[in-house]
Amino acid sequence: MFAKRNQEPVPELETTIWTCSNDDCTCWMRENLTFEEEPTCPMCSSSMTKGTRMLPPLTWNVFR
């Protein structure tokens, strides 16, 4: 019924992240959105390790 528009692919950047060290947990977070230098997993309280992922960049819309 409705045709999809030709959408441009979203660009991805290599982004530093924290990943949960617990093999049963899939939690991860962007490094620039953490409040601690070495965060613990908010889901299972395990330690987290630094890594990278290809993610779309975040845009910050600040309204004044």
PDB file of N, CA and C in Angstrom:
ATOM      1  N   MET A   1       0.815  -1.181   0.000  1.00  0.00           N
ATOM      2  CA  MET A   1       0.000   0.000   0.000  1.00  0.00           C
ATOM      3  C   MET A   1       0.866   1.256   0.000  1.00  0.00           C
ATOM      4  N   PHE A   2       1.834   1.326   0.911  1.00  0.00           N
ATOM      5  CA  PHE A   2       2.723   2.473   0.941  1.00  0.00           C
ATOM      6  C   PHE A   2       4.110   2.028   0.505  1.00  0.00           C
ATOM      7  N   ALA A   3       4.713   2.819  -0.337  1.00  0.00           N
ATOM      8  CA  ALA A   3       6.066   2.502  -0.788  1.00  0.00           C
ATOM      9  C   ALA A   3       7.071   3.098   0.189  1.00  0.00           C
ATOM     10  N   LYS A   4       8.125   2.358   0.456  1.00  0.00           N
ATOM     11  CA  LYS A   4       9.178   2.890   1.316  1.00  0.00           C
ATOM     12  C   LYS A   4       9.992   3.886   0.513  1.00  0.00           C
ATOM     13  N   ARG A   5      10.314   4.975   1.158  1.00  0.00           N
ATOM     14  CA  ARG A   5      11.180   5.947   0.497  1.00  0.00           C
ATOM     15  C   ARG A   5      12.595   5.394   0.469  1.00  0.00           C
ATOM     16  N   ASN A   6      13.343   5.853  -0.491  1.00  0.00           N
ATOM     17  CA  ASN A   6      14.752   5.462  -0.534  1.00  0.00           C
ATOM     18  C   ASN A   6      15.473   6.208   0.581  1.00  0.00           C
ATOM     19  N   GLN A   7      15.746   5.511   1.660  1.00  0.00           N
ATOM     20  CA  GLN A   7      16.403   6.130   2.798  1.00  0.00           C
ATOM     21  C   GLN A   7      17.904   5.942   2.686  1.00  0.00           C
ATOM     22  N   GLU A   8      18.623   7.007   3.057  1.00  0.00           N
ATOM     23  CA  GLU A   8      20.072   6.916   3.047  1.00  0.00           C
ATOM     24  C   GLU A   8      20.514   6.070   4.234  1.00  0.00           C
ATOM     25  N   PRO A   9      21.544   5.266   4.048  1.00  0.00           N
ATOM     26  CA  PRO A   9      22.025   4.469   5.185  1.00  0.00           C
ATOM     27  C   PRO A   9      22.604   5.381   6.272  1.00  0.00           C
ATOM     28  N   VAL A  10      22.395   4.996   7.515  1.00  0.00           N
ATOM     29  CA  VAL A  10      22.900   5.777   8.640  1.00  0.00           C
ATOM     30  C   VAL A  10      24.398   5.518   8.770  1.00  0.00           C
ATOM     31  N   PRO A  11      25.212   6.581   8.799  1.00  0.00           N
ATOM     32  CA  PRO A  11      26.657   6.363   8.939  1.00  0.00           C
ATOM     33  C   PRO A  11      26.973   5.827  10.330  1.00  0.00           C
ATOM     34  N   GLU A  12      27.999   5.011  10.414  1.00  0.00           N
ATOM     35  CA  GLU A  12      28.407   4.451  11.697  1.00  0.00           C
ATOM     36  C   GLU A  12      29.858   4.822  11.974  1.00  0.00           C
ATOM     37  N   LEU A  13      30.149   5.076  13.244  1.00  0.00           N
ATOM     38  CA  LEU A  13      31.493   5.419  13.680  1.00  0.00           C
ATOM     39  C   LEU A  13      31.973   4.388  14.689  1.00  0.00           C
ATOM     40  N   GLU A  14      33.277   4.164  14.719  1.00  0.00           N
ATOM     41  CA  GLU A  14      33.829   3.280  15.740  1.00  0.00           C
ATOM     42  C   GLU A  14      33.728   4.010  17.074  1.00  0.00           C
ATOM     43  N   THR A  15      32.979   3.442  18.009  1.00  0.00           N
ATOM     44  CA  THR A  15      32.654   4.088  19.273  1.00  0.00           C
ATOM     45  C   THR A  15      33.185   3.252  20.430  1.00  0.00           C
ATOM     46  N   THR A  16      33.794   3.913  21.410  1.00  0.00           N
ATOM     47  CA  THR A  16      34.284   3.217  22.594  1.00  0.00           C
ATOM     48  C   THR A  16      33.106   2.918  23.514  1.00  0.00           C
ATOM     49  N   ILE A  17      33.029   1.664  23.968  1.00  0.00           N
ATOM     50  CA  ILE A  17      31.921   1.232  24.821  1.00  0.00           C
ATOM     51  C   ILE A  17      32.453   0.457  26.020  1.00  0.00           C
ATOM     52  N   TRP A  18      31.591   0.256  27.007  1.00  0.00           N
ATOM     53  CA  TRP A  18      31.834  -0.651  28.125  1.00  0.00           C
ATOM     54  C   TRP A  18      30.917  -1.839  27.937  1.00  0.00           C
ATOM     55  N   THR A  19      31.456  -3.057  28.042  1.00  0.00           N
ATOM     56  CA  THR A  19      30.690  -4.288  27.891  1.00  0.00           C
ATOM     57  C   THR A  19      30.771  -5.083  29.187  1.00  0.00           C
ATOM     58  N   CYS A  20      29.656  -5.677  29.586  1.00  0.00           N
ATOM     59  CA  CYS A  20      29.622  -6.483  30.803  1.00  0.00           C
ATOM     60  C   CYS A  20      30.532  -7.697  30.644  1.00  0.00           C
ATOM     61  N   SER A  21      31.295  -7.998  31.699  1.00  0.00           N
ATOM     62  CA  SER A  21      32.219  -9.136  31.642  1.00  0.00           C
ATOM     63  C   SER A  21      31.522 -10.471  31.920  1.00  0.00           C
ATOM     64  N   ASN A  22      30.290 -10.439  32.390  1.00  0.00           N
ATOM     65  CA  ASN A  22      29.518 -11.659  32.652  1.00  0.00           C
ATOM     66  C   ASN A  22      29.019 -12.215  31.317  1.00  0.00           C
ATOM     67  N   ASP A  23      29.341 -13.461  31.012  1.00  0.00           N
ATOM     68  CA  ASP A  23      28.967 -14.066  29.730  1.00  0.00           C
ATOM     69  C   ASP A  23      27.455 -14.195  29.555  1.00  0.00           C
ATOM     70  N   ASP A  24      26.711 -14.264  30.654  1.00  0.00           N
ATOM     71  CA  ASP A  24      25.255 -14.407  30.571  1.00  0.00           C
ATOM     72  C   ASP A  24      24.536 -13.072  30.396  1.00  0.00           C
ATOM     73  N   CYS A  25      25.249 -11.972  30.537  1.00  0.00           N
ATOM     74  CA  CYS A  25      24.649 -10.635  30.452  1.00  0.00           C
ATOM     75  C   CYS A  25      25.044  -9.985  29.125  1.00  0.00           C
ATOM     76  N   THR A  26      24.117  -9.309  28.482  1.00  0.00           N
ATOM     77  CA  THR A  26      24.391  -8.668  27.188  1.00  0.00           C
ATOM     78  C   THR A  26      24.456  -7.146  27.296  1.00  0.00           C
ATOM     79  N   CYS A  27      24.560  -6.632  28.501  1.00  0.00           N
ATOM     80  CA  CYS A  27      24.540  -5.184  28.719  1.00  0.00           C
ATOM     81  C   CYS A  27      25.815  -4.521  28.187  1.00  0.00           C
ATOM     82  N   TRP A  28      25.666  -3.346  27.606  1.00  0.00           N
ATOM     83  CA  TRP A  28      26.793  -2.527  27.179  1.00  0.00           C
ATOM     84  C   TRP A  28      26.336  -1.073  27.201  1.00  0.00           C
ATOM     85  N   MET A  29      27.279  -0.128  27.246  1.00  0.00           N
ATOM     86  CA  MET A  29      26.948   1.294  27.231  1.00  0.00           C
ATOM     87  C   MET A  29      28.072   2.080  26.583  1.00  0.00           C
ATOM     88  N   ARG A  30      27.709   3.203  26.006  1.00  0.00           N
ATOM     89  CA  ARG A  30      28.715   4.074  25.406  1.00  0.00           C
ATOM     90  C   ARG A  30      29.590   4.669  26.508  1.00  0.00           C
ATOM     91  N   GLU A  31      30.882   4.810  26.215  1.00  0.00           N
ATOM     92  CA  GLU A  31      31.808   5.331  27.218  1.00  0.00           C
ATOM     93  C   GLU A  31      31.459   6.765  27.608  1.00  0.00           C
ATOM     94  N   ASN A  32      31.051   7.579  26.645  1.00  0.00           N
ATOM     95  CA  ASN A  32      30.786   8.984  26.953  1.00  0.00           C
ATOM     96  C   ASN A  32      29.459   9.201  27.688  1.00  0.00           C
ATOM     97  N   LEU A  33      28.708   8.141  27.969  1.00  0.00           N
ATOM     98  CA  LEU A  33      27.460   8.270  28.716  1.00  0.00           C
ATOM     99  C   LEU A  33      27.542   7.624  30.098  1.00  0.00           C
ATOM    100  N   THR A  34      28.747   7.356  30.573  1.00  0.00           N
ATOM    101  CA  THR A  34      28.907   6.770  31.901  1.00  0.00           C
ATOM    102  C   THR A  34      29.290   7.860  32.892  1.00  0.00           C
ATOM    103  N   PHE A  35      28.997   7.617  34.158  1.00  0.00           N
ATOM    104  CA  PHE A  35      29.300   8.587  35.206  1.00  0.00           C
ATOM    105  C   PHE A  35      30.540   8.208  36.007  1.00  0.00           C
ATOM    106  N   GLU A  36      31.048   7.006  35.827  1.00  0.00           N
ATOM    107  CA  GLU A  36      32.207   6.523  36.577  1.00  0.00           C
ATOM    108  C   GLU A  36      33.352   6.219  35.619  1.00  0.00           C
ATOM    109  N   GLU A  37      34.577   6.255  36.150  1.00  0.00           N
ATOM    110  CA  GLU A  37      35.731   5.926  35.308  1.00  0.00           C
ATOM    111  C   GLU A  37      35.742   4.455  34.928  1.00  0.00           C
ATOM    112  N   GLU A  38      35.363   3.579  35.849  1.00  0.00           N
ATOM    113  CA  GLU A  38      35.243   2.145  35.578  1.00  0.00           C
ATOM    114  C   GLU A  38      33.891   1.682  36.110  1.00  0.00           C
ATOM    115  N   PRO A  39      32.861   1.735  35.272  1.00  0.00           N
ATOM    116  CA  PRO A  39      31.508   1.422  35.751  1.00  0.00           C
ATOM    117  C   PRO A  39      31.298  -0.067  36.016  1.00  0.00           C
ATOM    118  N   THR A  40      30.286  -0.358  36.831  1.00  0.00           N
ATOM    119  CA  THR A  40      29.825  -1.731  37.019  1.00  0.00           C
ATOM    120  C   THR A  40      28.540  -1.881  36.224  1.00  0.00           C
ATOM    121  N   CYS A  41      28.230  -3.091  35.852  1.00  0.00           N
ATOM    122  CA  CYS A  41      27.053  -3.357  35.034  1.00  0.00           C
ATOM    123  C   CYS A  41      25.784  -2.977  35.805  1.00  0.00           C
ATOM    124  N   PRO A  42      24.914  -2.163  35.217  1.00  0.00           N
ATOM    125  CA  PRO A  42      23.675  -1.781  35.900  1.00  0.00           C
ATOM    126  C   PRO A  42      22.668  -2.923  35.980  1.00  0.00           C
ATOM    127  N   MET A  43      22.856  -3.968  35.189  1.00  0.00           N
ATOM    128  CA  MET A  43      21.915  -5.086  35.184  1.00  0.00           C
ATOM    129  C   MET A  43      22.301  -6.184  36.177  1.00  0.00           C
ATOM    130  N   CYS A  44      23.598  -6.536  36.222  1.00  0.00           N
ATOM    131  CA  CYS A  44      24.004  -7.670  37.060  1.00  0.00           C
ATOM    132  C   CYS A  44      25.108  -7.324  38.059  1.00  0.00           C
ATOM    133  N   SER A  45      25.577  -6.083  38.064  1.00  0.00           N
ATOM    134  CA  SER A  45      26.616  -5.588  38.990  1.00  0.00           C
ATOM    135  C   SER A  45      27.990  -6.212  38.772  1.00  0.00           C
ATOM    136  N   SER A  46      28.236  -6.825  37.625  1.00  0.00           N
ATOM    137  CA  SER A  46      29.562  -7.362  37.302  1.00  0.00           C
ATOM    138  C   SER A  46      30.454  -6.226  36.819  1.00  0.00           C
ATOM    139  N   SER A  47      31.751  -6.498  36.738  1.00  0.00           N
ATOM    140  CA  SER A  47      32.668  -5.498  36.201  1.00  0.00           C
ATOM    141  C   SER A  47      32.451  -5.376  34.695  1.00  0.00           C
ATOM    142  N   MET A  48      32.917  -4.264  34.142  1.00  0.00           N
ATOM    143  CA  MET A  48      32.759  -4.036  32.706  1.00  0.00           C
ATOM    144  C   MET A  48      34.130  -3.836  32.088  1.00  0.00           C
ATOM    145  N   THR A  49      34.260  -4.228  30.817  1.00  0.00           N
ATOM    146  CA  THR A  49      35.516  -4.086  30.095  1.00  0.00           C
ATOM    147  C   THR A  49      35.314  -3.156  28.911  1.00  0.00           C
ATOM    148  N   LYS A  50      36.380  -2.431  28.564  1.00  0.00           N
ATOM    149  CA  LYS A  50      36.321  -1.491  27.450  1.00  0.00           C
ATOM    150  C   LYS A  50      36.435  -2.221  26.128  1.00  0.00           C
ATOM    151  N   GLY A  51      35.733  -1.723  25.132  1.00  0.00           N
ATOM    152  CA  GLY A  51      35.799  -2.282  23.793  1.00  0.00           C
ATOM    153  C   GLY A  51      35.311  -1.243  22.798  1.00  0.00           C
ATOM    154  N   THR A  52      35.108  -1.651  21.562  1.00  0.00           N
ATOM    155  CA  THR A  52      34.589  -0.739  20.541  1.00  0.00           C
ATOM    156  C   THR A  52      33.478  -1.427  19.765  1.00  0.00           C
ATOM    157  N   ARG A  53      32.599  -0.619  19.204  1.00  0.00           N
ATOM    158  CA  ARG A  53      31.515  -1.081  18.336  1.00  0.00           C
ATOM    159  C   ARG A  53      31.283  -0.040  17.261  1.00  0.00           C
ATOM    160  N   MET A  54      30.778  -0.495  16.140  1.00  0.00           N
ATOM    161  CA  MET A  54      30.361   0.424  15.091  1.00  0.00           C
ATOM    162  C   MET A  54      28.917   0.833  15.395  1.00  0.00           C
ATOM    163  N   LEU A  55      28.726   2.121  15.729  1.00  0.00           N
ATOM    164  CA  LEU A  55      27.416   2.630  16.120  1.00  0.00           C
ATOM    165  C   LEU A  55      27.121   3.933  15.398  1.00  0.00           C
ATOM    166  N   PRO A  56      25.844   4.241  15.190  1.00  0.00           N
ATOM    167  CA  PRO A  56      25.510   5.540  14.615  1.00  0.00           C
ATOM    168  C   PRO A  56      25.844   6.641  15.617  1.00  0.00           C
ATOM    169  N   PRO A  57      26.303   7.782  15.133  1.00  0.00           N
ATOM    170  CA  PRO A  57      26.630   8.871  16.058  1.00  0.00           C
ATOM    171  C   PRO A  57      25.363   9.428  16.708  1.00  0.00           C
ATOM    172  N   LEU A  58      25.514   9.897  17.939  1.00  0.00           N
ATOM    173  CA  LEU A  58      24.393  10.531  18.632  1.00  0.00           C
ATOM    174  C   LEU A  58      24.388  12.016  18.322  1.00  0.00           C
ATOM    175  N   THR A  59      23.207  12.562  18.168  1.00  0.00           N
ATOM    176  CA  THR A  59      23.077  14.007  17.993  1.00  0.00           C
ATOM    177  C   THR A  59      22.395  14.557  19.229  1.00  0.00           C
ATOM    178  N   TRP A  60      22.931  15.623  19.744  1.00  0.00           N
ATOM    179  CA  TRP A  60      22.400  16.230  20.956  1.00  0.00           C
ATOM    180  C   TRP A  60      21.572  17.440  20.566  1.00  0.00           C
ATOM    181  N   ASN A  61      20.268  17.341  20.737  1.00  0.00           N
ATOM    182  CA  ASN A  61      19.373  18.459  20.460  1.00  0.00           C
ATOM    183  C   ASN A  61      19.149  19.224  21.755  1.00  0.00           C
ATOM    184  N   VAL A  62      19.762  20.383  21.843  1.00  0.00           N
ATOM    185  CA  VAL A  62      19.627  21.198  23.045  1.00  0.00           C
ATOM    186  C   VAL A  62      18.701  22.354  22.703  1.00  0.00           C
ATOM    187  N   PHE A  63      17.603  22.410  23.430  1.00  0.00           N
ATOM    188  CA  PHE A  63      16.646  23.486  23.208  1.00  0.00           C
ATOM    189  C   PHE A  63      16.923  24.601  24.201  1.00  0.00           C
ATOM    190  N   ARG A  64      16.916  25.811  23.713  1.00  0.00           N
ATOM    191  CA  ARG A  64      17.164  26.963  24.598  1.00  0.00           C
ATOM    192  C   ARG A  64      15.959  27.841  24.635  1.00  0.00           C
TER     193      ARG A  64
END
